[in-house]
Amino acid sequence: MESKLTVFFEEPFWIGIFERIYNGKLSVCKVTFGAEPTDAEIYVFILERYAELKFTLPVKTVQKKTADNPKRRQRNARRQLESVGIGTKSQQALQKQREEMKTERRHISREQREAEKRRQFELKQKRRKEKHKGH
């Protein structure tokens, strides 16, 4: 039996995909974590709740034969971690949110500036009119 867990960010939640291959058949289960889980939280989740997971019906699959060389396995694991870049999608989402907040702040501050200019202009006009009334 072979099991694999992939954790990724799918806006707005962190998702975990559990895959298990048993006798050449693949079963999958999707878990929503919410906030970004730490390694320790994932480990505790697997220990305590793996038996409760509802996997899909088994589907036949072709399982690739992997090399038994431990160095090659370690290299492949490192490549997977680097290429997936678990935090990149979340970082992009955060950057997008920052940019939206920035444009919103600019819009609000521009409106406030214009409102202040209008107020100053009206005050100036009012003072000029009072001067000409002859009071």
Protein backbone atom coordinates (compact mmCIF):
# COMPACT_ATOMS: atom_id res chain seq x y z
CA MET A 1 0.00 0.00 0.00
CA GLU A 2 1.28 3.43 -0.96
CA SER A 3 -0.11 6.73 0.36
CA LYS A 4 0.54 10.32 -0.65
CA LEU A 5 -0.66 13.68 0.69
CA THR A 6 -0.56 16.87 -1.36
CA VAL A 7 -1.38 20.17 0.37
CA PHE A 8 -2.08 23.25 -1.74
CA PHE A 9 -3.90 26.58 -1.60
CA GLU A 10 -7.19 26.80 -3.46
CA GLU A 11 -8.68 30.19 -2.70
CA PRO A 12 -9.80 30.80 0.02
CA PHE A 13 -8.77 27.58 1.84
CA TRP A 14 -5.87 25.15 2.14
CA ILE A 15 -6.78 21.77 0.68
CA GLY A 16 -5.24 18.35 1.28
CA ILE A 17 -5.56 15.52 -1.25
CA PHE A 18 -4.95 12.06 0.18
CA GLU A 19 -4.14 9.40 -2.42
CA ARG A 20 -3.69 5.74 -1.63
CA ILE A 21 -2.82 2.94 -4.01
CA TYR A 22 -3.60 -0.59 -2.92
CA ASN A 23 -3.38 -3.62 -5.24
CA GLY A 24 -3.07 -1.34 -8.28
CA LYS A 25 -6.23 0.61 -7.42
CA LEU A 26 -6.30 4.32 -6.58
CA SER A 27 -8.59 5.91 -3.96
CA VAL A 28 -8.68 9.63 -3.26
CA CYS A 29 -10.00 11.83 -0.44
CA LYS A 30 -10.16 15.64 -0.28
CA VAL A 31 -9.80 17.47 3.06
CA THR A 32 -10.27 21.21 3.64
CA PHE A 33 -7.90 22.58 6.28
CA GLY A 34 -8.93 26.24 6.29
CA ALA A 35 -5.86 28.12 7.50
CA GLU A 36 -2.42 27.02 6.37
CA PRO A 37 -1.60 23.87 8.36
CA THR A 38 1.82 23.37 9.88
CA ASP A 39 3.74 20.12 9.50
CA ALA A 40 2.90 19.23 13.09
CA GLU A 41 -0.83 19.82 12.54
CA ILE A 42 -0.78 17.62 9.45
CA TYR A 43 1.05 14.89 11.35
CA VAL A 44 -1.50 15.00 14.18
CA PHE A 45 -4.34 14.99 11.64
CA ILE A 46 -2.95 11.88 9.96
CA LEU A 47 -2.44 10.07 13.27
CA GLU A 48 -5.85 10.90 14.72
CA ARG A 49 -8.24 11.17 11.77
CA TYR A 50 -6.83 9.14 8.86
CA ALA A 51 -9.10 6.18 9.69
CA GLU A 52 -12.20 8.43 9.49
CA LEU A 53 -11.47 9.69 5.96
CA LYS A 54 -13.99 8.81 3.25
CA PHE A 55 -12.05 7.68 0.19
CA THR A 56 -13.56 7.34 -3.28
CA LEU A 57 -14.27 3.97 -4.81
CA PRO A 58 -11.05 2.31 -6.02
CA VAL A 59 -10.14 2.92 -9.66
CA LYS A 60 -7.59 0.86 -11.57
CA THR A 61 -4.36 2.70 -12.17
CA VAL A 62 -0.96 2.04 -13.63
CA GLN A 63 1.64 2.37 -10.91
CA LYS A 64 5.07 3.47 -11.99
CA LYS A 65 7.97 1.49 -10.66
CA THR A 66 10.19 3.84 -8.69
CA ALA A 67 13.88 3.36 -8.14
CA ASP A 68 14.88 1.82 -4.84
CA ASN A 69 17.93 4.04 -4.68
CA PRO A 70 17.45 6.20 -1.53
CA LYS A 71 19.46 9.10 -2.95
CA ARG A 72 17.27 9.20 -6.06
CA ARG A 73 14.14 9.12 -3.89
CA GLN A 74 15.48 11.99 -1.83
CA ARG A 75 16.29 13.99 -4.98
CA ASN A 76 12.82 13.37 -6.38
CA ALA A 77 11.19 14.42 -3.10
CA ARG A 78 13.27 17.62 -3.03
CA ARG A 79 12.31 18.39 -6.66
CA GLN A 80 8.63 17.92 -5.88
CA LEU A 81 8.82 20.26 -2.92
CA GLU A 82 10.67 22.92 -4.92
CA SER A 83 8.51 22.71 -8.02
CA VAL A 84 5.15 22.74 -6.25
CA GLY A 85 6.07 25.68 -4.07
CA ILE A 86 3.30 25.24 -1.52
CA GLY A 87 3.35 28.88 -0.46
CA THR A 88 3.50 30.51 -3.89
CA LYS A 89 -0.23 30.48 -4.61
CA SER A 90 -1.01 31.84 -1.16
CA GLN A 91 1.65 34.49 -1.62
CA GLN A 92 0.08 35.47 -4.93
CA ALA A 93 -3.34 35.68 -3.27
CA LEU A 94 -1.93 37.86 -0.49
CA GLN A 95 -0.19 40.09 -3.02
CA LYS A 96 -3.42 40.46 -4.97
CA GLN A 97 -5.27 41.39 -1.78
CA ARG A 98 -2.58 43.95 -0.90
CA GLU A 99 -2.84 45.54 -4.34
CA GLU A 100 -6.65 45.75 -4.09
CA MET A 101 -6.38 47.35 -0.65
CA LYS A 102 -3.78 49.77 -2.02
CA THR A 103 -6.01 50.90 -4.89
CA GLU A 104 -8.98 51.18 -2.53
CA ARG A 105 -6.92 53.34 -0.12
CA ARG A 106 -5.81 55.55 -3.02
CA HIS A 107 -9.40 55.99 -4.14
CA ILE A 108 -10.60 56.89 -0.63
CA SER A 109 -7.73 59.29 0.02
CA ARG A 110 -8.31 60.98 -3.37
CA GLU A 111 -11.99 61.48 -2.51
CA GLN A 112 -11.07 62.89 0.90
CA ARG A 113 -8.53 65.26 -0.68
CA GLU A 114 -11.07 66.50 -3.22
CA ALA A 115 -13.72 66.94 -0.50
CA GLU A 116 -11.25 68.98 1.56
CA LYS A 117 -10.41 71.15 -1.47
CA ARG A 118 -14.12 71.76 -2.12
CA ARG A 119 -14.67 72.66 1.54
CA GLN A 120 -11.72 75.08 1.51
CA PHE A 121 -12.94 76.66 -1.74
CA GLU A 122 -16.49 77.11 -0.41
CA LEU A 123 -15.11 78.61 2.81
CA LYS A 124 -12.95 80.98 0.78
CA GLN A 125 -15.94 82.01 -1.37
CA LYS A 126 -18.06 82.57 1.74
CA ARG A 127 -15.38 84.85 3.26
CA ARG A 128 -15.08 86.85 0.01
CA LYS A 129 -18.85 87.38 -0.11
CA GLU A 130 -18.88 88.50 3.51
CA LYS A 131 -16.20 91.10 2.73
CA HIS A 132 -18.32 92.56 -0.07
CA LYS A 133 -21.51 92.77 1.98
CA GLY A 134 -20.20 95.79 3.79
CA HIS A 135 -20.84 94.65 7.32
